[in-house]
Amino acid sequence: MSTALLVIDMQMEMARRTAAGRERANPQAEERVAELLALFRARGLPVLHVHHDEPGTPVAMGQPGAEVMPCARPLPGEPVFVKSRSSAFAGTGLESHLRAQGIDRIVLTGAVAAFCVTSTTRAASDLGYQVILPGDSLIGFDFPRPDGSRISAEALLDMTLTILGADFARVMPTGAVAQAI
């Protein structure tokens, strides 16, 4: 089985939201992402990056929020795919790249757990990839309900991981990934 690390949307907008006081799960996610990058690079395994570029939003290329977080900067030679939709597979060429490299298992990390991570996990599973989701390496934020109340970041992350783990991915802590790959 050939495994790649897929780092999604680790862009400065996530740090800005955190600094602005937005409730967030996994305050140590940046450290866990860095650990995963170090593991894959040390083992010579493929590392792929996906960056979100959506015109008119804080993550539009050229905006400060689109800059890559220091913990997740690509090294020379590491492919970077740019998306404008939620799933990293939508219009990016990611699937073709993975197939060409013979990759059939993905360790997926990044932001935001209930959105782009979820969409990418489900798409990867639907395309036949095995997905490992280190839950403590995912950035998750709180979210408003239709009535104006909020779902806490921890509750939303727990529900997201529960649903994804039920049918689409193997959920585990970052520390268990080294033995799983």
C-alpha atoms as a PDB file:
ATOM      1  CA  MET A   1       0.000   0.000   0.000  1.00  0.00           C
ATOM      2  CA  SER A   2       1.384   3.406  -0.994  1.00  0.00           C
ATOM      3  CA  THR A   3       0.557   6.253   1.394  1.00  0.00           C
ATOM      4  CA  ALA A   4       0.694  10.038   1.026  1.00  0.00           C
ATOM      5  CA  LEU A   5       0.122  12.878   3.454  1.00  0.00           C
ATOM      6  CA  LEU A   6      -2.437  15.411   2.250  1.00  0.00           C
ATOM      7  CA  VAL A   7      -2.291  18.785   4.049  1.00  0.00           C
ATOM      8  CA  ILE A   8      -5.421  20.847   3.411  1.00  0.00           C
ATOM      9  CA  ASP A   9      -5.936  24.606   3.788  1.00  0.00           C
ATOM     10  CA  MET A  10      -3.334  25.312   6.460  1.00  0.00           C
ATOM     11  CA  GLN A  11      -3.525  29.005   5.641  1.00  0.00           C
ATOM     12  CA  MET A  12      -3.177  32.110   7.789  1.00  0.00           C
ATOM     13  CA  GLU A  13      -6.930  32.742   7.802  1.00  0.00           C
ATOM     14  CA  MET A  14      -7.143  29.915  10.362  1.00  0.00           C
ATOM     15  CA  ALA A  15      -4.629  31.698  12.614  1.00  0.00           C
ATOM     16  CA  ARG A  16      -6.493  34.989  12.131  1.00  0.00           C
ATOM     17  CA  ARG A  17      -9.787  33.412  13.212  1.00  0.00           C
ATOM     18  CA  THR A  18      -8.078  31.909  16.243  1.00  0.00           C
ATOM     19  CA  ALA A  19      -6.400  35.216  17.192  1.00  0.00           C
ATOM     20  CA  ALA A  20      -9.760  36.990  16.809  1.00  0.00           C
ATOM     21  CA  GLY A  21     -11.187  34.749  19.542  1.00  0.00           C
ATOM     22  CA  ARG A  22     -13.167  32.283  17.455  1.00  0.00           C
ATOM     23  CA  GLU A  23     -13.795  29.158  19.505  1.00  0.00           C
ATOM     24  CA  ARG A  24     -11.546  26.427  18.189  1.00  0.00           C
ATOM     25  CA  ALA A  25     -10.944  22.731  18.817  1.00  0.00           C
ATOM     26  CA  ASN A  26      -7.413  21.321  18.805  1.00  0.00           C
ATOM     27  CA  PRO A  27      -5.324  24.351  19.739  1.00  0.00           C
ATOM     28  CA  GLN A  28      -2.281  22.110  19.164  1.00  0.00           C
ATOM     29  CA  ALA A  29      -3.244  21.237  15.571  1.00  0.00           C
ATOM     30  CA  GLU A  30      -0.352  23.197  14.064  1.00  0.00           C
ATOM     31  CA  GLU A  31       2.101  21.138  16.139  1.00  0.00           C
ATOM     32  CA  ARG A  32       0.430  17.886  15.068  1.00  0.00           C
ATOM     33  CA  VAL A  33       0.544  18.940  11.389  1.00  0.00           C
ATOM     34  CA  ALA A  34       4.262  19.683  11.775  1.00  0.00           C
ATOM     35  CA  GLU A  35       4.759  16.240  13.369  1.00  0.00           C
ATOM     36  CA  LEU A  36       3.026  14.542  10.451  1.00  0.00           C
ATOM     37  CA  LEU A  37       5.078  16.489   7.935  1.00  0.00           C
ATOM     38  CA  ALA A  38       8.286  15.530   9.755  1.00  0.00           C
ATOM     39  CA  LEU A  39       7.255  11.852   9.852  1.00  0.00           C
ATOM     40  CA  PHE A  40       6.440  11.649   6.147  1.00  0.00           C
ATOM     41  CA  ARG A  41       9.498  13.610   5.081  1.00  0.00           C
ATOM     42  CA  ALA A  42      11.790  11.494   7.280  1.00  0.00           C
ATOM     43  CA  ARG A  43      10.389   8.314   5.746  1.00  0.00           C
ATOM     44  CA  GLY A  44      10.597   9.691   2.209  1.00  0.00           C
ATOM     45  CA  LEU A  45       6.838   9.360   1.740  1.00  0.00           C
ATOM     46  CA  PRO A  46       4.870  11.697  -0.536  1.00  0.00           C
ATOM     47  CA  VAL A  47       3.614  14.973   0.904  1.00  0.00           C
ATOM     48  CA  LEU A  48       0.919  16.884  -0.980  1.00  0.00           C
ATOM     49  CA  HIS A  49      -0.526  20.293  -0.173  1.00  0.00           C
ATOM     50  CA  VAL A  50      -3.901  21.782  -1.039  1.00  0.00           C
ATOM     51  CA  HIS A  51      -4.538  25.510  -0.733  1.00  0.00           C
ATOM     52  CA  HIS A  52      -7.887  27.208  -0.954  1.00  0.00           C
ATOM     53  CA  ASP A  53      -8.213  30.142  -3.370  1.00  0.00           C
ATOM     54  CA  GLU A  54     -11.683  31.617  -3.520  1.00  0.00           C
ATOM     55  CA  PRO A  55     -12.030  35.099  -5.020  1.00  0.00           C
ATOM     56  CA  GLY A  56     -13.729  37.610  -2.764  1.00  0.00           C
ATOM     57  CA  THR A  57     -12.852  35.740   0.442  1.00  0.00           C
ATOM     58  CA  PRO A  58     -10.022  36.075   2.965  1.00  0.00           C
ATOM     59  CA  VAL A  59      -8.315  33.027   1.383  1.00  0.00           C
ATOM     60  CA  ALA A  60      -8.157  34.484  -2.126  1.00  0.00           C
ATOM     61  CA  MET A  61      -4.599  34.290  -3.439  1.00  0.00           C
ATOM     62  CA  GLY A  62      -2.798  37.539  -2.745  1.00  0.00           C
ATOM     63  CA  GLN A  63      -4.729  38.122   0.490  1.00  0.00           C
ATOM     64  CA  PRO A  64      -2.931  37.748   3.850  1.00  0.00           C
ATOM     65  CA  GLY A  65      -5.315  34.941   4.826  1.00  0.00           C
ATOM     66  CA  ALA A  66      -4.192  32.843   1.855  1.00  0.00           C
ATOM     67  CA  GLU A  67      -0.567  32.693   3.017  1.00  0.00           C
ATOM     68  CA  VAL A  68       0.531  29.265   4.206  1.00  0.00           C
ATOM     69  CA  MET A  69       0.989  28.818   7.945  1.00  0.00           C
ATOM     70  CA  PRO A  70       4.655  28.391   8.938  1.00  0.00           C
ATOM     71  CA  CYS A  71       4.002  24.876  10.280  1.00  0.00           C
ATOM     72  CA  ALA A  72       2.813  23.655   6.873  1.00  0.00           C
ATOM     73  CA  ARG A  73       4.986  25.326   4.260  1.00  0.00           C
ATOM     74  CA  PRO A  74       5.660  23.075   1.269  1.00  0.00           C
ATOM     75  CA  LEU A  75       9.226  22.084   0.573  1.00  0.00           C
ATOM     76  CA  PRO A  76      10.595  22.310  -2.968  1.00  0.00           C
ATOM     77  CA  GLY A  77       9.279  19.393  -4.993  1.00  0.00           C
ATOM     78  CA  GLU A  78       6.169  18.844  -2.869  1.00  0.00           C
ATOM     79  CA  PRO A  79       3.124  19.224  -5.122  1.00  0.00           C
ATOM     80  CA  VAL A  80       0.666  22.002  -4.331  1.00  0.00           C
ATOM     81  CA  PHE A  81      -2.909  21.810  -5.625  1.00  0.00           C
ATOM     82  CA  VAL A  82      -5.138  24.875  -5.580  1.00  0.00           C
ATOM     83  CA  LYS A  83      -8.865  24.485  -5.089  1.00  0.00           C
ATOM     84  CA  SER A  84     -11.803  26.850  -5.145  1.00  0.00           C
ATOM     85  CA  ARG A  85     -14.342  24.361  -3.818  1.00  0.00           C
ATOM     86  CA  SER A  86     -14.646  22.381  -0.606  1.00  0.00           C
ATOM     87  CA  SER A  87     -13.219  19.063  -1.806  1.00  0.00           C
ATOM     88  CA  ALA A  88      -9.547  18.845  -2.719  1.00  0.00           C
ATOM     89  CA  PHE A  89     -10.610  16.577  -5.581  1.00  0.00           C
ATOM     90  CA  ALA A  90     -12.900  19.127  -7.286  1.00  0.00           C
ATOM     91  CA  GLY A  91     -11.120  20.483 -10.351  1.00  0.00           C
ATOM     92  CA  THR A  92      -7.567  20.208  -8.994  1.00  0.00           C
ATOM     93  CA  GLY A  93      -5.985  17.222 -10.741  1.00  0.00           C
ATOM     94  CA  LEU A  94      -5.345  15.637  -7.337  1.00  0.00           C
ATOM     95  CA  GLU A  95      -6.925  12.308  -8.262  1.00  0.00           C
ATOM     96  CA  SER A  96      -4.869  12.007 -11.466  1.00  0.00           C
ATOM     97  CA  HIS A  97      -1.704  12.743  -9.518  1.00  0.00           C
ATOM     98  CA  LEU A  98      -2.498  10.158  -6.847  1.00  0.00           C
ATOM     99  CA  ARG A  99      -3.333   7.488  -9.450  1.00  0.00           C
ATOM    100  CA  ALA A 100      -0.167   8.243 -11.442  1.00  0.00           C
ATOM    101  CA  GLN A 101       1.910   7.843  -8.279  1.00  0.00           C
ATOM    102  CA  GLY A 102       0.160   4.602  -7.271  1.00  0.00           C
ATOM    103  CA  ILE A 103      -1.080   6.108  -4.029  1.00  0.00           C
ATOM    104  CA  ASP A 104      -4.046   4.280  -2.538  1.00  0.00           C
ATOM    105  CA  ARG A 105      -4.022   5.498   1.058  1.00  0.00           C
ATOM    106  CA  ILE A 106      -4.158   9.100   2.294  1.00  0.00           C
ATOM    107  CA  VAL A 107      -3.383  10.522   5.699  1.00  0.00           C
ATOM    108  CA  LEU A 108      -5.434  13.701   5.710  1.00  0.00           C
ATOM    109  CA  THR A 109      -4.802  16.699   7.955  1.00  0.00           C
ATOM    110  CA  GLY A 110      -5.580  20.404   8.042  1.00  0.00           C
ATOM    111  CA  ALA A 111      -8.561  22.721   8.089  1.00  0.00           C
ATOM    112  CA  VAL A 112     -11.456  23.070   8.531  1.00  0.00           C
ATOM    113  CA  ALA A 113     -12.609  19.712   9.898  1.00  0.00           C
ATOM    114  CA  ALA A 114     -16.362  20.072   9.292  1.00  0.00           C
ATOM    115  CA  PHE A 115     -15.914  21.563   5.820  1.00  0.00           C
ATOM    116  CA  CYS A 116     -13.000  20.964   3.448  1.00  0.00           C
ATOM    117  CA  VAL A 117     -11.586  18.051   5.448  1.00  0.00           C
ATOM    118  CA  THR A 118     -15.005  16.376   5.483  1.00  0.00           C
ATOM    119  CA  SER A 119     -15.625  16.951   1.769  1.00  0.00           C
ATOM    120  CA  THR A 120     -12.187  15.664   0.844  1.00  0.00           C
ATOM    121  CA  THR A 121     -12.451  12.618   3.119  1.00  0.00           C
ATOM    122  CA  ARG A 122     -15.797  11.615   1.667  1.00  0.00           C
ATOM    123  CA  ALA A 123     -14.621  12.166  -1.919  1.00  0.00           C
ATOM    124  CA  ALA A 124     -11.441  10.157  -1.296  1.00  0.00           C
ATOM    125  CA  SER A 125     -13.445   7.301   0.179  1.00  0.00           C
ATOM    126  CA  ASP A 126     -15.902   7.382  -2.730  1.00  0.00           C
ATOM    127  CA  LEU A 127     -12.945   7.192  -5.135  1.00  0.00           C
ATOM    128  CA  GLY A 128     -11.636   4.074  -3.397  1.00  0.00           C
ATOM    129  CA  TYR A 129      -8.823   5.534  -1.301  1.00  0.00           C
ATOM    130  CA  GLN A 130      -8.251   4.395   2.254  1.00  0.00           C
ATOM    131  CA  VAL A 131      -8.236   7.463   4.493  1.00  0.00           C
ATOM    132  CA  ILE A 132      -6.528   7.891   7.839  1.00  0.00           C
ATOM    133  CA  LEU A 133      -7.717  10.910   9.775  1.00  0.00           C
ATOM    134  CA  PRO A 134      -5.548  12.020  12.712  1.00  0.00           C
ATOM    135  CA  GLY A 135      -8.322  13.823  14.566  1.00  0.00           C
ATOM    136  CA  ASP A 136      -6.040  15.833  16.838  1.00  0.00           C
ATOM    137  CA  SER A 137      -4.319  17.388  13.811  1.00  0.00           C
ATOM    138  CA  LEU A 138      -7.488  18.972  12.441  1.00  0.00           C
ATOM    139  CA  ILE A 139      -8.527  22.566  13.002  1.00  0.00           C
ATOM    140  CA  GLY A 140     -12.191  22.899  13.888  1.00  0.00           C
ATOM    141  CA  PHE A 141     -14.236  25.960  14.777  1.00  0.00           C
ATOM    142  CA  ASP A 142     -17.603  26.511  16.421  1.00  0.00           C
ATOM    143  CA  PHE A 143     -20.570  27.081  14.121  1.00  0.00           C
ATOM    144  CA  PRO A 144     -23.899  28.922  14.338  1.00  0.00           C
ATOM    145  CA  ARG A 145     -27.188  27.045  14.342  1.00  0.00           C
ATOM    146  CA  PRO A 146     -30.165  28.436  12.402  1.00  0.00           C
ATOM    147  CA  ASP A 147     -31.667  29.714  15.679  1.00  0.00           C
ATOM    148  CA  GLY A 148     -28.550  31.809  16.408  1.00  0.00           C
ATOM    149  CA  SER A 149     -27.128  29.582  19.122  1.00  0.00           C
ATOM    150  CA  ARG A 150     -23.750  27.973  18.481  1.00  0.00           C
ATOM    151  CA  ILE A 151     -22.430  24.432  18.279  1.00  0.00           C
ATOM    152  CA  SER A 152     -19.180  24.338  20.226  1.00  0.00           C
ATOM    153  CA  ALA A 153     -15.967  23.616  18.357  1.00  0.00           C
ATOM    154  CA  GLU A 154     -15.359  20.478  20.418  1.00  0.00           C
ATOM    155  CA  ALA A 155     -18.892  19.133  19.861  1.00  0.00           C
ATOM    156  CA  LEU A 156     -18.748  19.810  16.129  1.00  0.00           C
ATOM    157  CA  LEU A 157     -15.322  18.178  15.799  1.00  0.00           C
ATOM    158  CA  ASP A 158     -16.513  15.169  17.813  1.00  0.00           C
ATOM    159  CA  MET A 159     -19.573  14.762  15.582  1.00  0.00           C
ATOM    160  CA  THR A 160     -17.490  15.229  12.415  1.00  0.00           C
ATOM    161  CA  LEU A 161     -14.957  12.593  13.462  1.00  0.00           C
ATOM    162  CA  THR A 162     -17.711  10.235  14.588  1.00  0.00           C
ATOM    163  CA  ILE A 163     -19.490  10.427  11.239  1.00  0.00           C
ATOM    164  CA  LEU A 164     -16.316  10.198   9.151  1.00  0.00           C
ATOM    165  CA  GLY A 165     -14.987   7.365  11.298  1.00  0.00           C
ATOM    166  CA  ALA A 166     -18.203   5.393  10.928  1.00  0.00           C
ATOM    167  CA  ASP A 167     -17.922   4.954   7.174  1.00  0.00           C
ATOM    168  CA  PHE A 168     -15.240   7.021   5.435  1.00  0.00           C
ATOM    169  CA  ALA A 169     -11.958   6.957   7.382  1.00  0.00           C
ATOM    170  CA  ARG A 170      -9.917   5.421  10.185  1.00  0.00           C
ATOM    171  CA  VAL A 171      -9.776   8.046  12.916  1.00  0.00           C
ATOM    172  CA  MET A 172      -6.754   7.969  15.206  1.00  0.00           C
ATOM    173  CA  PRO A 173      -4.450  10.331  17.111  1.00  0.00           C
ATOM    174  CA  THR A 174      -1.404  11.714  15.335  1.00  0.00           C
ATOM    175  CA  GLY A 175       0.866   9.609  17.543  1.00  0.00           C
ATOM    176  CA  ALA A 176      -0.626   6.389  16.128  1.00  0.00           C
ATOM    177  CA  VAL A 177      -0.037   7.272  12.464  1.00  0.00           C
ATOM    178  CA  ALA A 178       3.601   6.101  12.407  1.00  0.00           C
ATOM    179  CA  GLN A 179       2.525   2.541  13.212  1.00  0.00           C
ATOM    180  CA  ALA A 180      -0.471   2.630  10.860  1.00  0.00           C
ATOM    181  CA  ILE A 181       1.398   3.511   7.670  1.00  0.00           C
END
